[in-house]
Amino acid sequence: MVHIDKLIDGLKRIPDEEFSCQTVYDFLGENPVEIDSITRYFHWSPRYYTRNLIYKDNRFEVMAICWEKGQISQVHNHWDQKCWMMVPVGRLRGQNFAVAESDESRSFCRLVETDSFELSDCLAAKVELEEPIHQVLNLPEYDERAVSIHIYSKPYDRCLAYCRDTHTFREVELFYTSIDGRLCPNITL
C-alpha cells in the first residue's frame, strides 16, 4: 500500500511517451492506495456521488469519487481521454457500452451493453479508447459506501451523457465537489 502522494509522484515520473493505458494500469496495480492517506478527500452526499479533486496538472488529474449505497453514474464517455480507476473502499461495478446506431444531428445514439467488471480491493481498471462509453454503479445489493480513485489523462471539464430510455445524448459540464479536501463554494451536500 502506498500513500496517495507517492502514487501521484510515481505517475508524474512516467514519461509522456509511456503514459499509456497499459503502463498506467500496471503502475496502479503495483501501487494500491493506502486508505488513511485519502480520507481527507471523502465527502458524501445522499443525493449524488461526489467528485473530489486530489491532484491536477496539464497531463492528468486524480480524483476520489464517493458513492453512497445505490448511487450510480450516468452512462457517459470521456471524449478520447484515458481513464483508470481503482476502488480502495467498498466495491463497484463498471458497465461498458458500444454504439449500435448514432445520428449526431438528432443527438440520437442507441447503445448496447458489452462487458461488465467488478472493482474492489484496489484492483485497477482502465477505460479503453476503443469502447469509452461506460457507467459506474454502487449496486444496492452491495449495501455499503464505496470510494473510487480515478486518474484521467488530460483533464477535461465536460463529457457526453447518454439516456438509454430515449436513445439521446447531451453534453454536460463537470464540476468538483471539493478541491484538496475543502468543499467548493456553492456546494451543498
C-alpha atoms as a PDB file:
ATOM      1  CA  MET A   1       0.000   0.000   0.000  1.00  0.00           C
ATOM      2  CA  VAL A   2       1.277   3.473  -0.893  1.00  0.00           C
ATOM      3  CA  HIS A   3       0.412   6.952   0.288  1.00  0.00           C
ATOM      4  CA  ILE A   4      -1.562   8.955  -2.294  1.00  0.00           C
ATOM      5  CA  ASP A   5       1.332  11.446  -2.588  1.00  0.00           C
ATOM      6  CA  LYS A   6       3.702   8.614  -3.523  1.00  0.00           C
ATOM      7  CA  LEU A   7       1.202   7.370  -6.118  1.00  0.00           C
ATOM      8  CA  ILE A   8       0.978  10.852  -7.655  1.00  0.00           C
ATOM      9  CA  ASP A   9       4.781  11.252  -7.655  1.00  0.00           C
ATOM     10  CA  GLY A  10       5.080   7.898  -9.434  1.00  0.00           C
ATOM     11  CA  LEU A  11       2.534   8.952 -12.069  1.00  0.00           C
ATOM     12  CA  LYS A  12       4.465  12.206 -12.624  1.00  0.00           C
ATOM     13  CA  ARG A  13       7.651  10.203 -13.248  1.00  0.00           C
ATOM     14  CA  ILE A  14       6.117   8.205 -16.111  1.00  0.00           C
ATOM     15  CA  PRO A  15       7.429   9.850 -19.305  1.00  0.00           C
ATOM     16  CA  ASP A  16       4.838  11.323 -21.677  1.00  0.00           C
ATOM     17  CA  GLU A  17       5.561   8.762 -24.373  1.00  0.00           C
ATOM     18  CA  GLU A  18       4.939   5.950 -21.859  1.00  0.00           C
ATOM     19  CA  PHE A  19       1.793   7.428 -20.267  1.00  0.00           C
ATOM     20  CA  SER A  20      -0.327   4.788 -21.978  1.00  0.00           C
ATOM     21  CA  CYS A  21      -3.345   2.745 -20.925  1.00  0.00           C
ATOM     22  CA  GLN A  22      -1.268  -0.343 -20.139  1.00  0.00           C
ATOM     23  CA  THR A  23       1.679   1.403 -18.423  1.00  0.00           C
ATOM     24  CA  VAL A  24      -0.516   3.372 -16.018  1.00  0.00           C
ATOM     25  CA  TYR A  25      -2.765   0.343 -15.469  1.00  0.00           C
ATOM     26  CA  ASP A  26       0.287  -1.747 -14.496  1.00  0.00           C
ATOM     27  CA  PHE A  27       1.601   1.019 -12.225  1.00  0.00           C
ATOM     28  CA  LEU A  28      -1.736   1.266 -10.394  1.00  0.00           C
ATOM     29  CA  GLY A  29      -1.873  -2.500  -9.996  1.00  0.00           C
ATOM     30  CA  GLU A  30       1.540  -2.443  -8.344  1.00  0.00           C
ATOM     31  CA  ASN A  31       0.712   0.534  -6.096  1.00  0.00           C
ATOM     32  CA  PRO A  32      -2.598   0.143  -4.241  1.00  0.00           C
ATOM     33  CA  VAL A  33      -3.553   3.289  -2.325  1.00  0.00           C
ATOM     34  CA  GLU A  34      -3.345   3.445   1.447  1.00  0.00           C
ATOM     35  CA  ILE A  35      -6.869   4.350   2.604  1.00  0.00           C
ATOM     36  CA  ASP A  36      -5.700   6.548   5.500  1.00  0.00           C
ATOM     37  CA  SER A  37      -3.912   8.815   3.001  1.00  0.00           C
ATOM     38  CA  ILE A  38      -7.135   9.698   1.150  1.00  0.00           C
ATOM     39  CA  THR A  39      -9.792  10.045   3.877  1.00  0.00           C
ATOM     40  CA  ARG A  40      -9.444  13.849   3.934  1.00  0.00           C
ATOM     41  CA  TYR A  41     -10.919  13.814   0.403  1.00  0.00           C
ATOM     42  CA  PHE A  42     -14.051  11.894   1.409  1.00  0.00           C
ATOM     43  CA  HIS A  43     -17.216  13.974   1.124  1.00  0.00           C
ATOM     44  CA  TRP A  44     -20.581  12.241   0.923  1.00  0.00           C
ATOM     45  CA  SER A  45     -23.982  13.351  -0.324  1.00  0.00           C
ATOM     46  CA  PRO A  46     -27.242  11.400  -0.059  1.00  0.00           C
ATOM     47  CA  ARG A  47     -28.347  12.991  -3.371  1.00  0.00           C
ATOM     48  CA  TYR A  48     -25.403  12.359  -5.696  1.00  0.00           C
ATOM     49  CA  TYR A  49     -21.931  10.856  -5.835  1.00  0.00           C
ATOM     50  CA  THR A  50     -19.211  13.402  -5.135  1.00  0.00           C
ATOM     51  CA  ARG A  51     -16.161  14.277  -7.249  1.00  0.00           C
ATOM     52  CA  ASN A  52     -13.240  15.259  -5.017  1.00  0.00           C
ATOM     53  CA  LEU A  53     -10.095  16.563  -6.714  1.00  0.00           C
ATOM     54  CA  ILE A  54      -6.851  15.351  -5.173  1.00  0.00           C
ATOM     55  CA  TYR A  55      -4.313  16.483  -7.801  1.00  0.00           C
ATOM     56  CA  LYS A  56      -4.332  18.127 -11.232  1.00  0.00           C
ATOM     57  CA  ASP A  57      -1.769  19.267 -13.766  1.00  0.00           C
ATOM     58  CA  ASN A  58      -1.819  19.631 -17.563  1.00  0.00           C
ATOM     59  CA  ARG A  59      -1.250  15.903 -18.108  1.00  0.00           C
ATOM     60  CA  PHE A  60      -3.544  14.156 -15.604  1.00  0.00           C
ATOM     61  CA  GLU A  61      -5.827  14.581 -12.635  1.00  0.00           C
ATOM     62  CA  VAL A  62      -6.519  12.311  -9.658  1.00  0.00           C
ATOM     63  CA  MET A  63      -9.938  12.270  -8.054  1.00  0.00           C
ATOM     64  CA  ALA A  64     -11.667  10.443  -5.202  1.00  0.00           C
ATOM     65  CA  ILE A  65     -15.299   9.738  -6.054  1.00  0.00           C
ATOM     66  CA  CYS A  66     -17.506   8.906  -3.068  1.00  0.00           C
ATOM     67  CA  TRP A  67     -20.568   6.723  -3.631  1.00  0.00           C
ATOM     68  CA  GLU A  68     -23.384   6.256  -1.144  1.00  0.00           C
ATOM     69  CA  LYS A  69     -25.240   2.941  -1.231  1.00  0.00           C
ATOM     70  CA  GLY A  70     -27.128   2.554  -4.513  1.00  0.00           C
ATOM     71  CA  GLN A  71     -25.667   5.606  -6.297  1.00  0.00           C
ATOM     72  CA  ILE A  72     -24.779   5.277  -9.985  1.00  0.00           C
ATOM     73  CA  SER A  73     -23.253   7.496 -12.624  1.00  0.00           C
ATOM     74  CA  GLN A  74     -24.971   8.431 -15.828  1.00  0.00           C
ATOM     75  CA  VAL A  75     -23.831   6.493 -18.857  1.00  0.00           C
ATOM     76  CA  HIS A  76     -21.041   8.728 -20.167  1.00  0.00           C
ATOM     77  CA  ASN A  77     -17.898   8.983 -22.253  1.00  0.00           C
ATOM     78  CA  HIS A  78     -14.515  10.623 -21.740  1.00  0.00           C
ATOM     79  CA  TRP A  79     -14.025  12.384 -25.089  1.00  0.00           C
ATOM     80  CA  ASP A  80     -10.884  10.481 -26.093  1.00  0.00           C
ATOM     81  CA  GLN A  81      -9.308  10.915 -22.679  1.00  0.00           C
ATOM     82  CA  LYS A  82      -7.717   7.950 -20.978  1.00  0.00           C
ATOM     83  CA  CYS A  83      -9.214   6.860 -17.664  1.00  0.00           C
ATOM     84  CA  TRP A  84      -8.075   4.464 -14.954  1.00  0.00           C
ATOM     85  CA  MET A  85      -9.759   3.635 -11.678  1.00  0.00           C
ATOM     86  CA  MET A  86      -9.400   1.560  -8.549  1.00  0.00           C
ATOM     87  CA  VAL A  87     -11.665   1.034  -5.563  1.00  0.00           C
ATOM     88  CA  PRO A  88      -9.934   1.095  -2.164  1.00  0.00           C
ATOM     89  CA  VAL A  89     -13.230   1.265  -0.209  1.00  0.00           C
ATOM     90  CA  GLY A  90     -16.273  -0.935  -0.909  1.00  0.00           C
ATOM     91  CA  ARG A  91     -16.928  -2.311  -4.370  1.00  0.00           C
ATOM     92  CA  LEU A  92     -18.398  -1.061  -7.627  1.00  0.00           C
ATOM     93  CA  ARG A  93     -19.490  -2.453 -10.947  1.00  0.00           C
ATOM     94  CA  GLY A  94     -18.396  -0.973 -14.247  1.00  0.00           C
ATOM     95  CA  GLN A  95     -20.607  -1.469 -17.292  1.00  0.00           C
ATOM     96  CA  ASN A  96     -19.250  -0.785 -20.779  1.00  0.00           C
ATOM     97  CA  PHE A  97     -21.335   0.098 -23.819  1.00  0.00           C
ATOM     98  CA  ALA A  98     -20.870   0.119 -27.578  1.00  0.00           C
ATOM     99  CA  VAL A  99     -22.617   2.407 -30.053  1.00  0.00           C
ATOM    100  CA  ALA A 100     -25.063   0.375 -32.139  1.00  0.00           C
ATOM    101  CA  GLU A 101     -26.523   3.323 -34.055  1.00  0.00           C
ATOM    102  CA  SER A 102     -25.880   7.069 -33.974  1.00  0.00           C
ATOM    103  CA  ASP A 103     -27.056  10.280 -35.624  1.00  0.00           C
ATOM    104  CA  GLU A 104     -25.299  13.322 -34.182  1.00  0.00           C
ATOM    105  CA  SER A 105     -27.616  15.764 -35.996  1.00  0.00           C
ATOM    106  CA  ARG A 106     -30.518  14.482 -33.840  1.00  0.00           C
ATOM    107  CA  SER A 107     -28.421  13.761 -30.700  1.00  0.00           C
ATOM    108  CA  PHE A 108     -29.523  10.172 -31.214  1.00  0.00           C
ATOM    109  CA  CYS A 109     -27.471   7.230 -30.001  1.00  0.00           C
ATOM    110  CA  ARG A 110     -28.583   3.679 -29.348  1.00  0.00           C
ATOM    111  CA  LEU A 111     -26.216   1.817 -27.045  1.00  0.00           C
ATOM    112  CA  VAL A 112     -25.777  -1.856 -26.310  1.00  0.00           C
ATOM    113  CA  GLU A 113     -24.221  -3.304 -23.165  1.00  0.00           C
ATOM    114  CA  THR A 114     -20.942  -5.097 -23.682  1.00  0.00           C
ATOM    115  CA  ASP A 115     -18.791  -6.332 -20.814  1.00  0.00           C
ATOM    116  CA  SER A 116     -19.086  -5.501 -17.135  1.00  0.00           C
ATOM    117  CA  PHE A 117     -16.485  -5.772 -14.397  1.00  0.00           C
ATOM    118  CA  GLU A 118     -16.302  -5.677 -10.621  1.00  0.00           C
ATOM    119  CA  LEU A 119     -13.954  -3.341  -8.798  1.00  0.00           C
ATOM    120  CA  SER A 120     -12.828  -3.810  -5.196  1.00  0.00           C
ATOM    121  CA  ASP A 121      -9.718  -4.231  -3.062  1.00  0.00           C
ATOM    122  CA  CYS A 122      -7.827  -1.578  -5.064  1.00  0.00           C
ATOM    123  CA  LEU A 123      -7.821  -3.672  -8.239  1.00  0.00           C
ATOM    124  CA  ALA A 124      -7.118  -1.367 -11.186  1.00  0.00           C
ATOM    125  CA  ALA A 125      -9.311  -0.975 -14.262  1.00  0.00           C
ATOM    126  CA  LYS A 126      -8.980   1.096 -17.419  1.00  0.00           C
ATOM    127  CA  VAL A 127     -11.423   2.606 -19.871  1.00  0.00           C
ATOM    128  CA  GLU A 128     -10.386   1.502 -23.334  1.00  0.00           C
ATOM    129  CA  LEU A 129     -10.403   4.191 -26.009  1.00  0.00           C
ATOM    130  CA  GLU A 130     -11.969   1.721 -28.450  1.00  0.00           C
ATOM    131  CA  GLU A 131     -15.039   1.462 -26.193  1.00  0.00           C
ATOM    132  CA  PRO A 132     -15.055   4.578 -23.998  1.00  0.00           C
ATOM    133  CA  ILE A 133     -18.746   4.717 -23.010  1.00  0.00           C
ATOM    134  CA  HIS A 134     -19.457   3.318 -19.571  1.00  0.00           C
ATOM    135  CA  GLN A 135     -21.335   3.592 -16.307  1.00  0.00           C
ATOM    136  CA  VAL A 136     -20.197   3.039 -12.716  1.00  0.00           C
ATOM    137  CA  LEU A 137     -22.652   1.562 -10.217  1.00  0.00           C
ATOM    138  CA  ASN A 138     -22.674   1.077  -6.457  1.00  0.00           C
ATOM    139  CA  LEU A 139     -25.375  -1.570  -6.599  1.00  0.00           C
ATOM    140  CA  PRO A 140     -27.935  -1.654  -3.760  1.00  0.00           C
ATOM    141  CA  GLU A 141     -27.084  -5.293  -3.023  1.00  0.00           C
ATOM    142  CA  TYR A 142     -23.503  -4.245  -2.148  1.00  0.00           C
ATOM    143  CA  ASP A 143     -25.103  -2.454   0.829  1.00  0.00           C
ATOM    144  CA  GLU A 144     -22.107  -0.217   1.565  1.00  0.00           C
ATOM    145  CA  ARG A 145     -20.468   3.041   0.675  1.00  0.00           C
ATOM    146  CA  ALA A 146     -17.638   2.976  -1.844  1.00  0.00           C
ATOM    147  CA  VAL A 147     -14.764   5.207  -2.877  1.00  0.00           C
ATOM    148  CA  SER A 148     -13.113   5.020  -6.269  1.00  0.00           C
ATOM    149  CA  ILE A 149      -9.867   6.700  -7.236  1.00  0.00           C
ATOM    150  CA  HIS A 150      -9.915   7.924 -10.852  1.00  0.00           C
ATOM    151  CA  ILE A 151      -6.978   9.076 -12.927  1.00  0.00           C
ATOM    152  CA  TYR A 152      -7.886  10.982 -16.101  1.00  0.00           C
ATOM    153  CA  SER A 153      -5.336  11.897 -18.727  1.00  0.00           C
ATOM    154  CA  LYS A 154      -5.507  15.457 -20.000  1.00  0.00           C
ATOM    155  CA  PRO A 155      -8.094  16.722 -17.536  1.00  0.00           C
ATOM    156  CA  TYR A 156     -11.437  17.625 -19.022  1.00  0.00           C
ATOM    157  CA  ASP A 157     -14.444  19.569 -17.813  1.00  0.00           C
ATOM    158  CA  ARG A 158     -17.271  18.124 -19.915  1.00  0.00           C
ATOM    159  CA  CYS A 159     -18.436  14.856 -21.373  1.00  0.00           C
ATOM    160  CA  LEU A 160     -21.347  13.317 -23.219  1.00  0.00           C
ATOM    161  CA  ALA A 161     -24.078  11.764 -21.086  1.00  0.00           C
ATOM    162  CA  TYR A 162     -26.418   9.196 -22.630  1.00  0.00           C
ATOM    163  CA  CYS A 163     -30.034   8.359 -21.849  1.00  0.00           C
ATOM    164  CA  ARG A 164     -30.786   4.764 -22.749  1.00  0.00           C
ATOM    165  CA  ASP A 165     -34.567   5.255 -22.385  1.00  0.00           C
ATOM    166  CA  THR A 166     -34.751   7.956 -25.081  1.00  0.00           C
ATOM    167  CA  HIS A 167     -31.610   6.968 -27.056  1.00  0.00           C
ATOM    168  CA  THR A 168     -30.309  10.516 -26.794  1.00  0.00           C
ATOM    169  CA  PHE A 169     -27.130  12.165 -25.606  1.00  0.00           C
ATOM    170  CA  ARG A 170     -26.156  15.623 -24.454  1.00  0.00           C
ATOM    171  CA  GLU A 171     -23.049  17.452 -23.407  1.00  0.00           C
ATOM    172  CA  VAL A 172     -22.759  18.032 -19.656  1.00  0.00           C
ATOM    173  CA  GLU A 173     -20.397  20.265 -17.743  1.00  0.00           C
ATOM    174  CA  LEU A 174     -18.490  18.581 -14.928  1.00  0.00           C
ATOM    175  CA  PHE A 175     -17.690  20.094 -11.546  1.00  0.00           C
ATOM    176  CA  TYR A 176     -15.783  19.218  -8.412  1.00  0.00           C
ATOM    177  CA  THR A 177     -17.415  18.765  -5.014  1.00  0.00           C
ATOM    178  CA  SER A 178     -14.152  19.521  -3.245  1.00  0.00           C
ATOM    179  CA  ILE A 179     -10.604  20.523  -4.115  1.00  0.00           C
ATOM    180  CA  ASP A 180      -7.711  19.413  -1.904  1.00  0.00           C
ATOM    181  CA  GLY A 181     -10.159  18.230   0.760  1.00  0.00           C
ATOM    182  CA  ARG A 182     -12.105  21.515   1.005  1.00  0.00           C
ATOM    183  CA  LEU A 183     -15.692  21.834  -0.246  1.00  0.00           C
ATOM    184  CA  CYS A 184     -16.083  24.113  -3.252  1.00  0.00           C
ATOM    185  CA  PRO A 185     -18.178  27.268  -2.871  1.00  0.00           C
ATOM    186  CA  ASN A 186     -21.905  26.811  -3.567  1.00  0.00           C
ATOM    187  CA  ILE A 187     -21.752  23.054  -2.896  1.00  0.00           C
ATOM    188  CA  THR A 188     -24.489  21.655  -0.687  1.00  0.00           C
ATOM    189  CA  LEU A 189     -24.119  18.051   0.367  1.00  0.00           C
END
